[in-house]
Each structure stands twice: as structure tokens, then as C-alpha cells.
Amino acid sequence: EPLPPRKNSVIGSLGSLAADAAVAAGASRADAGEAGYPDAALDELQSAEVRRYTTGTRVRFHGLQTQTALNGCVGHVLQFDRASGRVCVEKDVASKGESPSIRIKPKNLETIEPMSRDLNEVKRLVEEAYRRGDGARVALPEGDYLIPPDPTASALDQSLAICNTLWIKQGMILAGRGAGETTLHFGIEMEPGADGALLQLEGFSVVGASVEIGGRGLQKVRLSRLRIDMRQKEGDALMIKEVGSSATSSLDRVVIDQCEVLGGSDGVDIDTAGVTLRKCTIKGAASRGIFANDFFTIEDSTVMGCGSYGMKTRAGCHRRGRNRIQPGPWDGHMALGEDAMARPFATMATTLGEIDAMALAEEEDWEEDSDGQDEIGPYGFTHDEEMELLSQGVHPWDDDAGDVLAALQDDGF
């Protein structure tokens, strides 16, 4: 009568050898279990798999019979799942609608050389995303992505940082593993004519360079869990240029969520409607934390430690939740909310409609000539000066309106 295989040391030793062979062949624990390997051999097999498929390991799919489209695709290991004996892999590039990660048997993976952590590799992945169409997703594993030396670049190109920027021309998702894990040492800008339904940047840091987003052909922009560090550098840190067109709704056109902006001449420069900053931290700008030419919304955010003041808003803003905003020269006259750094926008002109209504009321009393723009109104200001004051939430009849205007003009605007 044959001995039970799991209790026989000789069979167990043979099972261990078979498990080693299975590891070399890329078999999973589940495969080995079905083959009847002893428990000890299964544990040894799984430990070998864990060592082989550590987080960040670069792999290529092969030998798949059902999802044949994945064969030849490349990704990196997120983790080894002991329960299922499968490896969780995040694909480098996933088309819109595809799951960015997949659990797969080790026998259908082969390890390959690690990814080059540099700008050229990121450009290659972005180009592949373009071929996948609008909305494709690019995954960047943890690491520092540097600017490689380019002997072919001219001195002028290098001085203008033309070669040191990732240019994006199409809606896509660019995702890192977190602001403390994935770091880009080059800037991001949009190519002229960029378009797409959604541009989403999430989960990485940009150090020593700026991020500039814009494009009339873009419908939505989402920036999430980014850190942009422009300390000791010239130029604005985050620039939001014109996004969308008058034919599309401006509601939440650009959402900046849980982002940290450090340094820069201005921290955030806003030149488009429909921007919302939510749970953001903006610190250490040389001049203003936020400079906005268009109406925007700020919610539960901090803007502090800037060289001049927290915000300069030419068209007003909507403050929601509890914000900590470094005060400007006009803030002393406002009625305070729960605390001086978290005043509700209701104490100001709360909507563009109210600002327009105030301006219209002023025009009814205006003593103007053929154009009237340089005439002095009833409160001692020109039409343009009154509009500037109103855009800051200051009424022309306020006692300190003159001081506020002088401060604004000293700022160069």
C-alpha cells in the first residue's frame, strides 16, 4: 500500500525539488497545490515568488490564452497576493476603460530590466498613451525621474529649458504612486492646440520646475495629490491658462484637490474661469500665493507665508469652508467670520452678479463725457479704479478704499 505523499520525507524532498523546478518555470502556489506538492514545498515556492516579484519589479505578460491582447504588455509589480498565489501588476499604459491593474499567475510573467527613471522614458510612455487614444492612463512607479544629458541639444535649447519639459498634447491620466514616492525633476506644459475630454495629473511631485496647464480644446482638468516645489526658483509654480471654451460649461472646469504648492514668484496663477481649489496648501511664494484674473472658488485651503499677501483676485472669489488666507492690504475693513483667517466670502461681494450690480448702480450716478472712463465718479475714483476695488471686494465708499487702491497700484497692477 503506497504511503501518503505528504507524510513521506523522501516524497517531500522530491516535492521540494519539484517546487524549485516549478519556481524556475514560473508556476504559482495554486498550480503547485493542484500538482500535489507537500505543504512545506508550497510554502517554499510561495516565499520564492514573494522574493522574485517584489514591489516595483518590471514584468512583461506572456502566454495568456484568453486575454491575448495583454501578451507583450509591460508593467510593474504592486504586490504578491499570497491568498490567491497571483501577482498584482499595474500596467504602464492602459486604454480608457481598461483596469489599470490586473492579478495574474506568475507563469504568465517574465521579469525584465527596470524602467529608466528619466524624462525620455516618460515621454515614450506618453507617446504610447497618445496611440491608445484620448483618456489613456500612464502609471509612473516610485522613484526620481531626472533629465538625461542630451549632447545633441543646443546651448540655447538647454538655457531655455526646451529639452527639460514634458509636453502634453492630449487628454490623459498621468499617475504616480504619491507625492512622496514619485518625483519629476522637470516641468509639465501643454502643447498649443491640446485637446481632450479630461487631463488628470495625480500622485507625484514636481521639483525645481513649474506646471502650466491650458488648452481651449480641453474640457476638464483634474490635479490631485500633487506637490509642486519651486522654492529658490524664479517663475510661477502652477499656472492655469485658458481651459475650455465659451461653448462649454465652466462649472468645475478645473479642480485642484489636495495639492501642495511651495515657492514660486506667485504660487498659483489663474487665467481661466471655473477653477476650484479644495484642501490645498500654498506657501512660501515670493509675491502672492494666488493671483487670479478670473473668478474662482477656494475651499478648506491654506495660503500663508508669502512675500506680499495671500491672494490677489481681480474678479473676486468664492470662499467655502474654513480657509486660512494670509491677509492682504484690503482685508482689515471686512467683517470677520469665525476667525480672521477663515472669513466667509458672504462678507464680500459674493458673486460676479453682485459686483456687476454695484458697478451698474455707480454708472447711474456717473457724470461722464463721451467715453466717461477717465471721469471722476461720486466717490473720487475713475470707472476703472472702482472696478478694480470691486473685484477685490472693496466698496468705493469704504473709508479705506483709497489706501487699498494705493496698495494695489504699488503692486504694479
Protein backbone atom coordinates (compact mmCIF):
# COMPACT_ATOMS: atom_id res chain seq x y z
CA GLU A 1 0.00 0.00 0.00
CA PRO A 2 1.59 3.35 -1.01
CA LEU A 3 2.47 5.81 1.73
CA PRO A 4 0.57 9.15 1.88
CA PRO A 5 2.85 11.53 -0.08
CA ARG A 6 2.53 14.45 2.32
CA LYS A 7 3.94 12.38 5.23
CA ASN A 8 6.87 10.78 3.42
CA SER A 9 10.18 12.63 3.79
CA VAL A 10 11.56 11.18 0.58
CA ILE A 11 8.47 12.22 -1.36
CA GLY A 12 8.63 15.54 0.45
CA SER A 13 12.20 16.09 -0.68
CA LEU A 14 11.23 15.22 -4.21
CA GLY A 15 8.31 17.59 -3.84
CA SER A 16 10.66 20.34 -2.78
CA LEU A 17 12.82 19.73 -5.84
CA ALA A 18 9.70 19.77 -7.97
CA ALA A 19 8.68 23.04 -6.33
CA ASP A 20 12.07 24.52 -7.20
CA ALA A 21 11.53 23.43 -10.78
CA ALA A 22 8.07 24.98 -10.67
CA VAL A 23 9.54 28.27 -9.45
CA ALA A 24 12.00 28.24 -12.30
CA ALA A 25 9.11 27.63 -14.69
CA GLY A 26 7.10 30.48 -13.16
CA ALA A 27 4.35 28.33 -11.60
CA SER A 28 2.11 29.72 -8.86
CA ARG A 29 1.29 28.24 -5.46
CA ALA A 30 -2.15 27.31 -6.77
CA ASP A 31 -0.57 25.43 -9.69
CA ALA A 32 1.77 23.63 -7.32
CA GLY A 33 -1.07 22.77 -4.96
CA GLU A 34 -3.05 21.23 -7.78
CA ALA A 35 0.03 19.17 -8.66
CA GLY A 36 0.04 17.70 -5.14
CA TYR A 37 3.26 19.27 -3.77
CA PRO A 38 3.72 18.96 0.01
CA ASP A 39 2.78 21.89 2.25
CA ALA A 40 6.42 22.73 3.06
CA ALA A 41 7.21 22.80 -0.63
CA LEU A 42 4.25 25.07 -1.24
CA ASP A 43 5.47 27.49 1.42
CA GLU A 44 8.95 27.42 -0.08
CA LEU A 45 7.51 28.02 -3.51
CA GLN A 46 5.46 30.98 -2.33
CA SER A 47 8.41 32.52 -0.49
CA ALA A 48 10.44 32.31 -3.67
CA GLU A 49 7.63 34.03 -5.56
CA VAL A 50 7.49 36.81 -2.98
CA ARG A 51 11.24 37.34 -3.36
CA ARG A 52 11.02 37.29 -7.14
CA TYR A 53 8.06 39.64 -7.50
CA THR A 54 8.85 42.45 -5.09
CA THR A 55 7.09 45.80 -5.39
CA GLY A 56 8.34 47.73 -8.39
CA THR A 57 9.72 44.71 -10.29
CA ARG A 58 9.37 45.24 -14.03
CA VAL A 59 7.49 42.46 -15.81
CA ARG A 60 6.11 41.53 -19.24
CA PHE A 61 2.95 39.50 -19.87
CA HIS A 62 3.19 36.34 -21.97
CA GLY A 63 1.42 33.06 -22.63
CA LEU A 64 -2.10 34.30 -21.87
CA GLN A 65 -4.75 32.29 -23.67
CA THR A 66 -7.88 34.38 -23.04
CA GLN A 67 -6.61 37.95 -22.61
CA THR A 68 -4.23 37.63 -25.52
CA ALA A 69 -4.14 41.41 -26.05
CA LEU A 70 -2.05 41.68 -22.87
CA ASN A 71 0.74 39.48 -24.23
CA GLY A 72 3.80 41.67 -24.72
CA CYS A 73 2.49 44.48 -22.50
CA VAL A 74 4.72 45.77 -19.73
CA GLY A 75 4.02 46.82 -16.16
CA HIS A 76 5.39 46.81 -12.65
CA VAL A 77 4.53 44.72 -9.61
CA LEU A 78 2.37 46.28 -6.93
CA GLN A 79 2.33 43.26 -4.60
CA PHE A 80 2.23 39.47 -4.42
CA ASP A 81 -1.11 38.12 -3.19
CA ARG A 82 -0.36 35.08 -1.02
CA ALA A 83 -4.01 34.08 -0.77
CA SER A 84 -4.50 33.63 -4.50
CA GLY A 85 -0.89 32.97 -5.46
CA ARG A 86 -1.13 35.72 -8.05
CA VAL A 87 0.85 38.86 -8.72
CA CYS A 88 -0.87 42.24 -8.83
CA VAL A 89 0.62 44.20 -11.74
CA GLU A 90 -0.05 47.81 -12.74
CA LYS A 91 0.21 48.30 -16.50
CA ASP A 92 2.49 51.06 -17.76
CA VAL A 93 -0.21 52.27 -20.15
CA ALA A 94 -3.91 51.40 -20.07
CA SER A 95 -6.52 52.48 -22.59
CA LYS A 96 -9.59 54.38 -21.46
CA GLY A 97 -12.00 51.98 -19.75
CA GLU A 98 -9.35 49.34 -19.04
CA SER A 99 -8.48 48.38 -15.50
CA PRO A 100 -5.03 49.83 -14.80
CA SER A 101 -4.01 46.79 -12.72
CA ILE A 102 -4.53 43.04 -13.02
CA ARG A 103 -3.90 39.91 -10.89
CA ILE A 104 -2.07 37.28 -12.89
CA LYS A 105 -0.33 33.92 -12.38
CA PRO A 106 3.45 34.11 -12.13
CA LYS A 107 3.81 31.64 -15.02
CA ASN A 108 2.38 34.35 -17.31
CA LEU A 109 5.02 36.91 -16.31
CA GLU A 110 8.67 37.37 -17.11
CA THR A 111 10.92 39.81 -15.30
CA ILE A 112 12.67 42.41 -17.44
CA GLU A 113 15.12 45.28 -16.96
CA PRO A 114 13.94 48.10 -14.66
CA MET A 115 12.43 51.25 -16.14
CA SER A 116 14.76 54.14 -16.85
CA ARG A 117 13.78 56.85 -14.41
CA ASP A 118 14.17 59.84 -16.73
CA LEU A 119 12.28 62.29 -18.89
CA ASN A 120 12.83 60.31 -22.09
CA GLU A 121 11.12 57.23 -20.65
CA VAL A 122 8.15 59.30 -19.51
CA LYS A 123 7.91 60.85 -22.97
CA ARG A 124 7.91 57.35 -24.51
CA LEU A 125 5.05 56.25 -22.27
CA VAL A 126 3.08 59.42 -23.04
CA GLU A 127 3.53 58.80 -26.77
CA GLU A 128 2.18 55.28 -26.30
CA ALA A 129 -0.80 56.76 -24.47
CA TYR A 130 -1.48 59.01 -27.46
CA ARG A 131 -1.65 55.92 -29.68
CA ARG A 132 -4.21 54.42 -27.28
CA GLY A 133 -6.47 57.44 -27.79
CA ASP A 134 -7.99 60.12 -25.58
CA GLY A 135 -8.23 59.17 -21.91
CA ALA A 136 -5.40 56.61 -21.74
CA ARG A 137 -3.59 56.24 -18.43
CA VAL A 138 0.17 56.28 -17.79
CA ALA A 139 1.47 54.86 -14.50
CA LEU A 140 4.77 56.05 -13.04
CA PRO A 141 6.31 53.79 -10.35
CA GLU A 142 8.10 55.29 -7.39
CA GLY A 143 11.45 56.94 -7.99
CA ASP A 144 13.19 60.16 -9.06
CA TYR A 145 12.74 60.90 -12.76
CA LEU A 146 15.67 63.01 -13.92
CA ILE A 147 16.62 64.97 -17.02
CA PRO A 148 19.10 62.87 -19.03
CA PRO A 149 22.09 64.60 -20.61
CA ASP A 150 21.42 65.44 -24.25
CA PRO A 151 24.60 66.04 -26.26
CA THR A 152 22.54 66.93 -29.35
CA ALA A 153 20.68 69.80 -27.68
CA SER A 154 21.91 73.28 -28.45
CA ALA A 155 23.11 75.58 -25.70
CA LEU A 156 20.14 77.84 -26.42
CA ASP A 157 17.66 74.97 -26.07
CA GLN A 158 19.25 73.95 -22.80
CA SER A 159 19.25 77.50 -21.47
CA LEU A 160 15.57 77.91 -22.36
CA ALA A 161 14.75 74.53 -20.79
CA ILE A 162 13.04 73.43 -24.02
CA CYS A 163 14.51 69.97 -23.57
CA ASN A 164 13.65 69.86 -19.87
CA THR A 165 9.87 69.82 -20.15
CA LEU A 166 7.24 67.14 -20.61
CA TRP A 167 4.85 68.46 -23.26
CA ILE A 168 1.31 67.04 -23.30
CA LYS A 169 -0.99 67.46 -26.27
CA GLN A 170 -3.96 65.22 -25.46
CA GLY A 171 -6.31 64.37 -22.63
CA MET A 172 -4.89 61.58 -20.49
CA ILE A 173 -4.20 60.44 -16.93
CA LEU A 174 -0.63 60.66 -15.61
CA ALA A 175 -0.47 58.93 -12.23
CA GLY A 176 2.37 58.40 -9.77
CA ARG A 177 2.50 56.41 -6.56
CA GLY A 178 2.20 59.50 -4.34
CA ALA A 179 3.87 62.89 -3.89
CA GLY A 180 6.44 61.34 -1.56
CA GLU A 181 7.14 58.37 -3.83
CA THR A 182 7.23 59.60 -7.45
CA THR A 183 9.20 62.78 -8.19
CA LEU A 184 9.67 64.52 -11.53
CA HIS A 185 12.65 66.85 -11.87
CA PHE A 186 11.28 68.56 -14.97
CA GLY A 187 8.30 70.76 -15.77
CA ILE A 188 4.99 69.95 -17.45
CA GLU A 189 3.35 72.10 -20.10
CA MET A 190 0.59 71.75 -22.67
CA GLU A 191 1.32 71.87 -26.39
CA PRO A 192 -0.52 74.51 -28.42
CA GLY A 193 -3.84 73.10 -29.55
CA ALA A 194 -4.01 70.48 -26.78
CA ASP A 195 -7.45 68.86 -26.57
CA GLY A 196 -9.35 66.02 -24.94
CA ALA A 197 -12.18 65.27 -22.56
CA LEU A 198 -10.01 65.12 -19.42
CA LEU A 199 -6.45 65.83 -18.34
CA GLN A 200 -5.72 64.33 -14.94
CA LEU A 201 -2.40 64.58 -13.09
CA GLU A 202 -2.21 62.81 -9.75
CA GLY A 203 0.10 61.39 -7.13
CA PHE A 204 3.54 62.84 -7.83
CA SER A 205 5.88 65.75 -7.08
CA VAL A 206 7.45 68.24 -9.46
CA VAL A 207 10.67 69.70 -8.03
CA GLY A 208 12.56 72.68 -9.36
CA ALA A 209 10.21 73.28 -12.29
CA SER A 210 6.74 74.66 -12.94
CA VAL A 211 3.49 73.13 -14.16
CA GLU A 212 1.48 75.01 -16.80
CA ILE A 213 -1.95 73.71 -17.84
CA GLY A 214 -4.21 75.07 -20.56
CA GLY A 215 -5.97 74.42 -23.83
CA ARG A 216 -9.27 75.53 -25.30
CA GLY A 217 -9.75 72.00 -26.61
CA LEU A 218 -9.57 70.54 -23.09
CA GLN A 219 -12.93 70.07 -21.43
CA LYS A 220 -11.87 69.21 -17.87
CA VAL A 221 -8.69 69.31 -15.80
CA ARG A 222 -8.14 67.46 -12.53
CA LEU A 223 -5.00 67.93 -10.42
CA SER A 224 -4.93 65.70 -7.37
CA ARG A 225 -2.36 64.95 -4.65
CA LEU A 226 0.43 66.86 -6.38
CA ARG A 227 3.34 68.69 -4.79
CA ILE A 228 4.95 71.45 -6.85
CA ASP A 229 8.14 72.71 -5.26
CA MET A 230 9.53 75.90 -6.78
CA ARG A 231 11.41 77.17 -3.74
CA GLN A 232 14.52 79.14 -4.67
CA LYS A 233 13.34 79.21 -8.29
CA GLU A 234 12.04 82.05 -10.46
CA GLY A 235 8.69 81.94 -12.20
CA ASP A 236 5.20 80.98 -11.05
CA ALA A 237 4.83 77.46 -9.68
CA LEU A 238 1.40 76.43 -11.05
CA MET A 239 -0.17 78.26 -13.99
CA ILE A 240 -3.73 77.55 -15.10
CA LYS A 241 -4.22 79.12 -18.51
CA GLU A 242 -7.42 79.16 -20.56
CA VAL A 243 -9.21 75.81 -20.39
CA GLY A 244 -12.31 75.01 -22.44
CA SER A 245 -14.29 77.49 -24.47
CA SER A 246 -17.38 79.64 -24.13
CA ALA A 247 -19.34 76.79 -25.70
CA THR A 248 -18.71 74.51 -22.70
CA SER A 249 -19.82 74.91 -19.09
CA SER A 250 -17.26 76.49 -16.78
CA LEU A 251 -18.65 74.68 -13.70
CA ASP A 252 -15.72 72.82 -12.06
CA ARG A 253 -13.78 73.08 -15.30
CA VAL A 254 -10.53 72.87 -13.33
CA VAL A 255 -10.40 71.15 -9.90
CA ILE A 256 -7.20 71.30 -7.86
CA ASP A 257 -7.63 68.88 -4.99
CA GLN A 258 -5.30 68.15 -2.05
CA CYS A 259 -2.30 69.74 -3.75
CA GLU A 260 0.70 71.46 -2.17
CA VAL A 261 2.40 74.39 -3.91
CA LEU A 262 5.65 75.69 -2.44
CA GLY A 263 7.55 78.78 -3.55
CA GLY A 264 7.47 80.41 -6.97
CA SER A 265 7.11 84.08 -7.80
CA ASP A 266 3.35 83.56 -7.46
CA GLY A 267 2.24 80.21 -6.14
CA VAL A 268 -0.82 79.71 -8.36
CA ASP A 269 -1.68 81.89 -11.36
CA ILE A 270 -5.30 81.57 -12.59
CA ASP A 271 -6.30 82.82 -16.03
CA THR A 272 -9.47 80.84 -16.73
CA ALA A 273 -12.98 80.56 -15.32
CA GLY A 274 -14.30 77.59 -13.37
CA VAL A 275 -11.31 76.87 -11.12
CA THR A 276 -11.84 75.27 -7.70
CA LEU A 277 -9.07 74.77 -5.14
CA ARG A 278 -10.03 72.24 -2.49
CA LYS A 279 -7.98 71.25 0.57
CA CYS A 280 -4.83 72.78 -0.90
CA THR A 281 -1.77 74.25 0.80
CA ILE A 282 0.05 77.15 -0.87
CA LYS A 283 3.08 78.51 0.95
CA GLY A 284 6.26 80.48 0.50
CA ALA A 285 5.54 82.36 -2.75
CA ALA A 286 7.84 85.32 -3.24
CA SER A 287 4.87 87.59 -4.02
CA ARG A 288 1.26 86.29 -3.89
CA GLY A 289 0.06 82.82 -3.03
CA ILE A 290 -2.72 83.12 -5.62
CA PHE A 291 -3.01 85.65 -8.42
CA ALA A 292 -6.31 85.28 -10.29
CA ASN A 293 -7.66 87.20 -13.27
CA ASP A 294 -10.88 85.14 -13.24
CA PHE A 295 -13.45 84.31 -10.61
CA PHE A 296 -12.60 81.10 -8.72
CA THR A 297 -13.57 79.07 -5.65
CA ILE A 298 -11.33 78.18 -2.72
CA GLU A 299 -12.41 75.69 -0.08
CA ASP A 300 -10.77 74.43 3.13
CA SER A 301 -7.36 75.62 1.97
CA THR A 302 -4.31 77.36 3.40
CA VAL A 303 -2.44 80.23 1.73
CA MET A 304 0.28 81.50 4.05
CA GLY A 305 3.89 82.62 4.35
CA CYS A 306 4.01 84.58 1.09
CA GLY A 307 6.19 87.61 0.44
CA SER A 308 3.37 90.06 -0.27
CA TYR A 309 -0.01 88.58 0.70
CA GLY A 310 -2.22 85.55 0.26
CA MET A 311 -4.42 86.34 -2.73
CA LYS A 312 -4.88 88.98 -5.37
CA THR A 313 -8.24 88.41 -7.03
CA ARG A 314 -9.14 90.65 -9.94
CA ALA A 315 -12.62 89.16 -10.47
CA GLY A 316 -13.47 88.03 -6.95
CA CYS A 317 -13.64 84.57 -5.45
CA HIS A 318 -15.98 82.33 -3.50
CA ARG A 319 -14.62 81.18 -0.14
CA ARG A 320 -16.16 77.98 1.18
CA GLY A 321 -15.48 76.00 4.33
CA ARG A 322 -12.61 77.05 6.58
CA ASN A 323 -9.74 78.73 4.80
CA ARG A 324 -6.55 80.18 6.28
CA ILE A 325 -5.58 83.02 3.98
CA GLN A 326 -2.69 85.37 4.62
CA PRO A 327 -4.34 88.81 4.80
CA GLY A 328 -3.80 91.46 2.16
CA PRO A 329 -3.82 95.26 2.46
CA TRP A 330 -7.60 95.39 1.99
CA ASP A 331 -8.58 92.67 4.50
CA GLY A 332 -8.71 94.82 7.63
CA HIS A 333 -12.00 96.52 6.71
CA MET A 334 -14.00 93.30 6.18
CA ALA A 335 -16.40 91.89 8.73
CA LEU A 336 -14.75 88.84 10.26
CA GLY A 337 -16.23 85.35 10.26
CA GLU A 338 -15.38 82.66 12.79
CA ASP A 339 -11.74 83.76 12.70
CA ALA A 340 -9.68 86.23 10.77
CA MET A 341 -8.13 83.55 8.57
CA ALA A 342 -11.42 81.81 7.76
CA ARG A 343 -13.78 84.64 6.88
CA PRO A 344 -16.75 83.64 4.74
CA PHE A 345 -16.98 85.17 1.31
CA ALA A 346 -20.51 86.29 2.22
CA THR A 347 -18.92 89.34 3.90
CA MET A 348 -17.72 90.42 0.45
CA ALA A 349 -19.46 90.80 -2.87
CA THR A 350 -20.31 87.10 -3.11
CA THR A 351 -20.98 86.74 -6.82
CA LEU A 352 -19.94 88.29 -10.06
CA GLY A 353 -23.59 89.31 -10.43
CA GLU A 354 -23.39 91.41 -7.27
CA ILE A 355 -20.19 93.04 -8.50
CA ASP A 356 -21.88 93.86 -11.81
CA ALA A 357 -24.92 95.23 -9.97
CA MET A 358 -22.74 97.51 -7.87
CA ALA A 359 -20.93 98.74 -10.94
CA LEU A 360 -24.26 99.41 -12.67
CA ALA A 361 -25.52 101.40 -9.68
CA GLU A 362 -22.38 103.51 -9.79
CA GLU A 363 -22.81 104.17 -13.50
CA GLU A 364 -26.30 105.61 -12.88
CA ASP A 365 -24.69 108.43 -10.87
CA TRP A 366 -21.76 108.80 -13.24
CA GLU A 367 -21.00 112.24 -14.67
CA GLU A 368 -19.22 111.16 -17.81
CA ASP A 369 -18.38 112.68 -21.14
CA SER A 370 -18.28 110.88 -24.49
CA ASP A 371 -16.43 107.85 -23.09
CA GLY A 372 -16.53 108.54 -19.35
CA GLN A 373 -13.67 106.20 -18.49
CA ASP A 374 -11.41 108.91 -17.06
CA GLU A 375 -14.11 110.92 -15.32
CA ILE A 376 -14.03 111.07 -11.53
CA GLY A 377 -17.12 109.48 -10.05
CA PRO A 378 -19.04 110.47 -6.90
CA TYR A 379 -16.60 108.66 -4.61
CA GLY A 380 -13.42 110.16 -6.05
CA PHE A 381 -12.37 107.28 -8.32
CA THR A 382 -12.39 106.65 -12.06
CA HIS A 383 -14.56 103.91 -13.52
CA ASP A 384 -11.54 101.57 -13.89
CA GLU A 385 -10.44 102.25 -10.32
CA GLU A 386 -13.89 101.44 -8.99
CA MET A 387 -13.96 98.18 -10.94
CA GLU A 388 -10.54 97.28 -9.52
CA LEU A 389 -11.77 97.94 -5.98
CA LEU A 390 -14.96 95.95 -6.51
CA SER A 391 -13.01 93.00 -7.89
CA GLN A 392 -11.20 92.90 -4.54
CA GLY A 393 -14.43 93.05 -2.57
CA VAL A 394 -13.83 96.68 -1.57
CA HIS A 395 -16.63 99.23 -1.95
CA PRO A 396 -15.65 102.62 -3.38
CA TRP A 397 -17.44 104.26 -0.44
CA ASP A 398 -15.41 102.41 2.22
CA ASP A 399 -13.24 104.69 4.36
CA ASP A 400 -10.03 102.88 3.44
CA ALA A 401 -10.79 102.43 -0.27
CA GLY A 402 -8.10 104.97 -1.18
CA ASP A 403 -5.46 103.14 0.84
CA VAL A 404 -6.44 99.83 -0.74
CA LEU A 405 -6.19 101.29 -4.23
CA ALA A 406 -2.80 102.77 -3.46
CA ALA A 407 -1.59 99.37 -2.25
CA LEU A 408 -2.88 97.71 -5.40
CA GLN A 409 -1.20 100.27 -7.62
CA ASP A 410 2.06 99.92 -5.71
CA ASP A 411 1.84 96.20 -6.54
CA GLY A 412 2.22 97.09 -10.19
CA PHE A 413 -1.35 96.35 -11.36
